Amino acid sequence: MKIAIPLANGKLSMHFGHCEKFILMDVDEKEKKIRSTKELAAPPHEPGLLPRFLHEAGAEVIISGGMGQRAKSLFEEKGIHVVVGAAALEPEKIAAAYLDGSLETGENCCDH
C-alpha cells in the first residue's frame, strides 16, 4: 500500500493544497513497516490537479491535517482513502501510527 503525506518543513503540512512536497511511502500492512519512501515535488496549486497527480503516483491513502470537501471527494472518486485531522508530526511517525491503528485525528483544519 502507498501512503501520501503532504509536507512542510519536514512535517505534515496542515494545509494539504499548499504543501512544499509530498512523501509517498510504500508500506507493508502485515508487517506494519515502511518499505521505501519517495519525495515528490508538489505541482502548482490548481483545483482538481492533486487527486490526479497522487493517483498517478500510486497513492492509496492520503493523510492530512486538513482538506477541503471538494478535494476529499475527488480523491475518493479515484479510490484513494482520505484521513484528515492528523497532527503536524514527522511522516514516519504518522505512517507508523496509521499502520498500528493508533493514529489520532482531530478536526479537519481545512473544512471549507
N, C-alpha and C. Protein backbone atom coordinates (compact mmCIF):
# COMPACT_ATOMS: atom_id res chain seq x y z
N MET A 1 0.85 -1.16 0.00
CA MET A 1 0.00 0.00 0.00
C MET A 1 0.90 1.24 0.00
N LYS A 2 0.44 2.28 -0.65
CA LYS A 2 1.20 3.53 -0.69
C LYS A 2 0.42 4.63 0.02
N ILE A 3 1.11 5.29 0.95
CA ILE A 3 0.54 6.39 1.73
C ILE A 3 1.21 7.68 1.30
N ALA A 4 0.41 8.70 1.01
CA ALA A 4 0.93 10.02 0.66
C ALA A 4 0.67 10.98 1.82
N ILE A 5 1.70 11.76 2.15
CA ILE A 5 1.60 12.75 3.22
C ILE A 5 2.17 14.06 2.71
N PRO A 6 1.39 15.17 2.81
CA PRO A 6 1.90 16.48 2.39
C PRO A 6 2.87 17.01 3.44
N LEU A 7 3.97 17.60 2.98
CA LEU A 7 5.00 18.07 3.91
C LEU A 7 5.28 19.56 3.81
N ALA A 8 5.62 20.14 4.95
CA ALA A 8 6.16 21.50 5.05
C ALA A 8 7.16 21.46 6.20
N ASN A 9 8.38 21.87 5.94
CA ASN A 9 9.44 21.86 6.95
C ASN A 9 9.65 20.48 7.58
N GLY A 10 9.54 19.43 6.77
CA GLY A 10 9.81 18.08 7.23
C GLY A 10 8.71 17.41 8.02
N LYS A 11 7.59 18.11 8.21
CA LYS A 11 6.46 17.55 8.96
C LYS A 11 5.19 17.67 8.13
N LEU A 12 4.15 16.99 8.59
CA LEU A 12 2.88 17.05 7.89
C LEU A 12 2.43 18.50 7.75
N SER A 13 2.07 18.87 6.54
CA SER A 13 1.56 20.22 6.27
C SER A 13 0.09 20.27 6.64
N MET A 14 -0.29 21.24 7.44
CA MET A 14 -1.67 21.33 7.90
C MET A 14 -2.63 21.73 6.78
N HIS A 15 -2.13 22.42 5.76
CA HIS A 15 -3.00 22.81 4.64
C HIS A 15 -2.56 22.02 3.42
N PHE A 16 -3.28 20.97 3.14
CA PHE A 16 -2.94 19.99 2.10
C PHE A 16 -2.55 20.62 0.76
N GLY A 17 -3.36 21.52 0.26
CA GLY A 17 -3.16 22.07 -1.08
C GLY A 17 -2.01 23.04 -1.21
N HIS A 18 -1.40 23.43 -0.10
CA HIS A 18 -0.31 24.39 -0.16
C HIS A 18 0.98 23.85 0.44
N CYS A 19 1.18 22.55 0.33
CA CYS A 19 2.39 21.94 0.88
C CYS A 19 3.59 22.18 -0.03
N GLU A 20 4.79 21.97 0.52
CA GLU A 20 6.03 22.12 -0.25
C GLU A 20 6.28 20.90 -1.15
N LYS A 21 5.96 19.72 -0.60
CA LYS A 21 6.19 18.46 -1.32
C LYS A 21 5.36 17.38 -0.67
N PHE A 22 5.37 16.22 -1.27
CA PHE A 22 4.70 15.05 -0.73
C PHE A 22 5.72 13.96 -0.49
N ILE A 23 5.49 13.15 0.51
CA ILE A 23 6.28 11.95 0.68
C ILE A 23 5.33 10.79 0.39
N LEU A 24 5.77 9.90 -0.45
CA LEU A 24 4.99 8.71 -0.81
C LEU A 24 5.71 7.52 -0.19
N MET A 25 5.01 6.84 0.71
CA MET A 25 5.60 5.72 1.43
C MET A 25 4.97 4.42 1.00
N ASP A 26 5.80 3.49 0.58
CA ASP A 26 5.35 2.14 0.27
C ASP A 26 5.45 1.37 1.58
N VAL A 27 4.32 0.91 2.10
CA VAL A 27 4.30 0.25 3.40
C VAL A 27 3.81 -1.18 3.29
N ASP A 28 4.25 -1.99 4.23
CA ASP A 28 3.79 -3.37 4.34
C ASP A 28 2.76 -3.39 5.46
N GLU A 29 1.49 -3.60 5.10
CA GLU A 29 0.41 -3.57 6.08
C GLU A 29 0.51 -4.72 7.09
N LYS A 30 0.94 -5.88 6.64
CA LYS A 30 1.02 -7.04 7.53
C LYS A 30 2.16 -6.89 8.54
N GLU A 31 3.33 -6.47 8.05
CA GLU A 31 4.48 -6.31 8.94
C GLU A 31 4.48 -4.95 9.63
N LYS A 32 3.58 -4.06 9.20
CA LYS A 32 3.42 -2.73 9.78
C LYS A 32 4.73 -1.95 9.76
N LYS A 33 5.34 -1.91 8.56
CA LYS A 33 6.57 -1.15 8.45
C LYS A 33 6.68 -0.49 7.08
N ILE A 34 7.52 0.52 7.03
CA ILE A 34 7.75 1.28 5.80
C ILE A 34 8.82 0.55 4.99
N ARG A 35 8.51 0.23 3.74
CA ARG A 35 9.48 -0.44 2.86
C ARG A 35 10.37 0.57 2.14
N SER A 36 9.74 1.66 1.67
CA SER A 36 10.52 2.67 0.95
C SER A 36 9.77 3.99 0.98
N THR A 37 10.50 5.07 0.72
CA THR A 37 9.90 6.40 0.65
C THR A 37 10.40 7.12 -0.59
N LYS A 38 9.57 8.00 -1.09
CA LYS A 38 9.93 8.79 -2.26
C LYS A 38 9.34 10.18 -2.08
N GLU A 39 10.15 11.20 -2.31
CA GLU A 39 9.65 12.57 -2.24
C GLU A 39 9.20 13.02 -3.62
N LEU A 40 8.07 13.70 -3.65
CA LEU A 40 7.51 14.23 -4.90
C LEU A 40 7.34 15.74 -4.75
N ALA A 41 7.87 16.50 -5.68
CA ALA A 41 7.65 17.95 -5.66
C ALA A 41 6.17 18.22 -5.88
N ALA A 42 5.62 19.13 -5.11
CA ALA A 42 4.20 19.46 -5.25
C ALA A 42 3.98 20.23 -6.55
N PRO A 43 2.98 19.84 -7.32
CA PRO A 43 2.67 20.59 -8.54
C PRO A 43 2.01 21.92 -8.16
N PRO A 44 1.81 22.82 -9.11
CA PRO A 44 1.14 24.08 -8.80
C PRO A 44 -0.25 23.82 -8.21
N HIS A 45 -0.68 24.70 -7.33
CA HIS A 45 -1.99 24.55 -6.69
C HIS A 45 -3.09 24.94 -7.68
N GLU A 46 -3.73 23.93 -8.23
CA GLU A 46 -4.84 24.12 -9.17
C GLU A 46 -5.96 23.18 -8.76
N PRO A 47 -7.20 23.65 -8.76
CA PRO A 47 -8.31 22.78 -8.38
C PRO A 47 -8.34 21.49 -9.22
N GLY A 48 -8.43 20.36 -8.52
CA GLY A 48 -8.55 19.07 -9.19
C GLY A 48 -7.25 18.42 -9.63
N LEU A 49 -6.12 19.14 -9.55
CA LEU A 49 -4.85 18.60 -10.03
C LEU A 49 -4.25 17.56 -9.07
N LEU A 50 -4.28 17.82 -7.77
CA LEU A 50 -3.63 16.91 -6.82
C LEU A 50 -4.23 15.50 -6.79
N PRO A 51 -5.55 15.35 -6.86
CA PRO A 51 -6.07 13.96 -6.89
C PRO A 51 -5.53 13.16 -8.07
N ARG A 52 -5.48 13.75 -9.24
CA ARG A 52 -4.94 13.05 -10.42
C ARG A 52 -3.45 12.78 -10.25
N PHE A 53 -2.70 13.79 -9.80
CA PHE A 53 -1.25 13.68 -9.61
C PHE A 53 -0.91 12.54 -8.64
N LEU A 54 -1.57 12.49 -7.48
CA LEU A 54 -1.25 11.47 -6.49
C LEU A 54 -1.80 10.09 -6.87
N HIS A 55 -2.91 10.07 -7.58
CA HIS A 55 -3.43 8.79 -8.10
C HIS A 55 -2.42 8.19 -9.08
N GLU A 56 -1.91 9.02 -9.98
CA GLU A 56 -0.92 8.54 -10.96
C GLU A 56 0.38 8.10 -10.28
N ALA A 57 0.68 8.68 -9.11
CA ALA A 57 1.88 8.27 -8.35
C ALA A 57 1.65 6.98 -7.58
N GLY A 58 0.41 6.50 -7.54
CA GLY A 58 0.11 5.23 -6.89
C GLY A 58 -0.43 5.34 -5.47
N ALA A 59 -0.73 6.55 -5.00
CA ALA A 59 -1.23 6.72 -3.63
C ALA A 59 -2.56 6.00 -3.45
N GLU A 60 -2.67 5.31 -2.32
CA GLU A 60 -3.91 4.62 -1.96
C GLU A 60 -4.54 5.22 -0.72
N VAL A 61 -3.72 5.92 0.08
CA VAL A 61 -4.17 6.59 1.29
C VAL A 61 -3.50 7.95 1.33
N ILE A 62 -4.27 8.97 1.72
CA ILE A 62 -3.72 10.31 1.94
C ILE A 62 -3.97 10.65 3.40
N ILE A 63 -2.95 11.07 4.10
CA ILE A 63 -3.11 11.51 5.49
C ILE A 63 -2.77 12.99 5.52
N SER A 64 -3.69 13.78 6.06
CA SER A 64 -3.55 15.23 6.02
C SER A 64 -4.06 15.87 7.30
N GLY A 65 -3.61 17.08 7.56
CA GLY A 65 -4.14 17.85 8.68
C GLY A 65 -5.51 18.39 8.32
N GLY A 66 -5.64 18.84 7.09
CA GLY A 66 -6.91 19.39 6.64
C GLY A 66 -7.02 19.35 5.14
N MET A 67 -8.26 19.27 4.67
CA MET A 67 -8.51 19.20 3.24
C MET A 67 -9.94 19.66 2.99
N GLY A 68 -10.12 20.45 1.95
CA GLY A 68 -11.46 20.89 1.57
C GLY A 68 -12.31 19.72 1.14
N GLN A 69 -13.62 19.87 1.28
CA GLN A 69 -14.56 18.80 0.97
C GLN A 69 -14.52 18.39 -0.50
N ARG A 70 -14.34 19.37 -1.39
CA ARG A 70 -14.28 19.07 -2.82
C ARG A 70 -13.06 18.18 -3.13
N ALA A 71 -11.89 18.55 -2.58
CA ALA A 71 -10.69 17.75 -2.81
C ALA A 71 -10.87 16.34 -2.24
N LYS A 72 -11.45 16.25 -1.06
CA LYS A 72 -11.68 14.95 -0.44
C LYS A 72 -12.55 14.08 -1.35
N SER A 73 -13.60 14.66 -1.90
CA SER A 73 -14.48 13.92 -2.81
C SER A 73 -13.75 13.45 -4.07
N LEU A 74 -12.89 14.32 -4.61
CA LEU A 74 -12.13 13.96 -5.81
C LEU A 74 -11.18 12.80 -5.55
N PHE A 75 -10.54 12.79 -4.38
CA PHE A 75 -9.66 11.66 -4.02
C PHE A 75 -10.47 10.38 -3.90
N GLU A 76 -11.60 10.47 -3.22
CA GLU A 76 -12.42 9.28 -3.02
C GLU A 76 -12.95 8.73 -4.34
N GLU A 77 -13.23 9.62 -5.31
CA GLU A 77 -13.64 9.16 -6.65
C GLU A 77 -12.54 8.36 -7.33
N LYS A 78 -11.29 8.66 -6.98
CA LYS A 78 -10.13 7.93 -7.55
C LYS A 78 -9.82 6.66 -6.74
N GLY A 79 -10.62 6.38 -5.70
CA GLY A 79 -10.39 5.19 -4.89
C GLY A 79 -9.32 5.38 -3.83
N ILE A 80 -9.00 6.63 -3.51
CA ILE A 80 -7.97 6.93 -2.52
C ILE A 80 -8.65 7.26 -1.19
N HIS A 81 -8.29 6.52 -0.15
CA HIS A 81 -8.84 6.75 1.19
C HIS A 81 -8.21 8.01 1.79
N VAL A 82 -9.02 8.89 2.34
CA VAL A 82 -8.55 10.15 2.90
C VAL A 82 -8.72 10.15 4.42
N VAL A 83 -7.64 10.50 5.12
CA VAL A 83 -7.66 10.67 6.57
C VAL A 83 -7.30 12.12 6.84
N VAL A 84 -8.16 12.85 7.55
CA VAL A 84 -7.88 14.25 7.88
C VAL A 84 -7.85 14.43 9.39
N GLY A 85 -7.25 15.53 9.81
CA GLY A 85 -7.19 15.84 11.23
C GLY A 85 -5.94 15.33 11.92
N ALA A 86 -4.95 14.88 11.15
CA ALA A 86 -3.69 14.40 11.74
C ALA A 86 -2.86 15.58 12.23
N ALA A 87 -2.02 15.34 13.20
CA ALA A 87 -1.15 16.37 13.76
C ALA A 87 0.09 16.56 12.89
N ALA A 88 0.72 17.72 13.02
CA ALA A 88 1.93 18.05 12.25
C ALA A 88 3.15 17.35 12.84
N LEU A 89 3.27 16.07 12.56
CA LEU A 89 4.40 15.26 13.02
C LEU A 89 5.25 14.82 11.83
N GLU A 90 6.35 14.15 12.12
CA GLU A 90 7.19 13.60 11.06
C GLU A 90 6.42 12.50 10.34
N PRO A 91 6.61 12.40 9.02
CA PRO A 91 5.82 11.42 8.25
C PRO A 91 6.00 9.97 8.70
N GLU A 92 7.19 9.61 9.15
CA GLU A 92 7.43 8.23 9.59
C GLU A 92 6.58 7.91 10.82
N LYS A 93 6.45 8.87 11.74
CA LYS A 93 5.62 8.66 12.93
C LYS A 93 4.15 8.53 12.55
N ILE A 94 3.72 9.35 11.59
CA ILE A 94 2.33 9.30 11.15
C ILE A 94 2.02 7.96 10.50
N ALA A 95 2.89 7.52 9.60
CA ALA A 95 2.67 6.24 8.91
C ALA A 95 2.66 5.08 9.90
N ALA A 96 3.60 5.08 10.85
CA ALA A 96 3.66 4.01 11.84
C ALA A 96 2.37 3.97 12.67
N ALA A 97 1.90 5.14 13.09
CA ALA A 97 0.66 5.20 13.88
C ALA A 97 -0.54 4.74 13.05
N TYR A 98 -0.58 5.12 11.78
CA TYR A 98 -1.67 4.67 10.91
C TYR A 98 -1.66 3.15 10.79
N LEU A 99 -0.50 2.58 10.58
CA LEU A 99 -0.38 1.14 10.38
C LEU A 99 -0.75 0.34 11.63
N ASP A 100 -0.41 0.87 12.81
CA ASP A 100 -0.73 0.11 14.03
C ASP A 100 -2.08 0.51 14.64
N GLY A 101 -2.81 1.39 13.95
CA GLY A 101 -4.15 1.74 14.39
C GLY A 101 -4.21 2.77 15.50
N SER A 102 -3.08 3.45 15.78
CA SER A 102 -3.06 4.42 16.88
C SER A 102 -3.03 5.87 16.42
N LEU A 103 -3.21 6.12 15.12
CA LEU A 103 -3.17 7.49 14.63
C LEU A 103 -4.36 8.28 15.18
N GLU A 104 -4.04 9.35 15.89
CA GLU A 104 -5.09 10.20 16.45
C GLU A 104 -5.40 11.32 15.47
N THR A 105 -6.68 11.53 15.25
CA THR A 105 -7.10 12.61 14.36
C THR A 105 -8.08 13.51 15.10
N GLY A 106 -8.04 14.79 14.73
CA GLY A 106 -8.95 15.75 15.32
C GLY A 106 -9.82 16.34 14.22
N GLU A 107 -10.10 17.60 14.36
CA GLU A 107 -10.93 18.27 13.39
C GLU A 107 -10.19 18.50 12.08
N ASN A 108 -10.93 18.53 11.01
CA ASN A 108 -10.39 18.88 9.70
C ASN A 108 -10.11 20.37 9.73
N CYS A 109 -8.84 20.75 9.80
CA CYS A 109 -8.49 22.16 9.95
C CYS A 109 -8.72 22.97 8.67
N CYS A 110 -9.17 22.33 7.63
CA CYS A 110 -9.34 22.99 6.32
C CYS A 110 -10.74 22.81 5.76
N ASP A 111 -11.70 22.48 6.56
CA ASP A 111 -13.02 22.13 6.05
C ASP A 111 -13.78 23.37 5.60
N HIS A 112 -13.58 23.73 4.32
CA HIS A 112 -14.24 24.90 3.76
C HIS A 112 -14.86 24.60 2.43
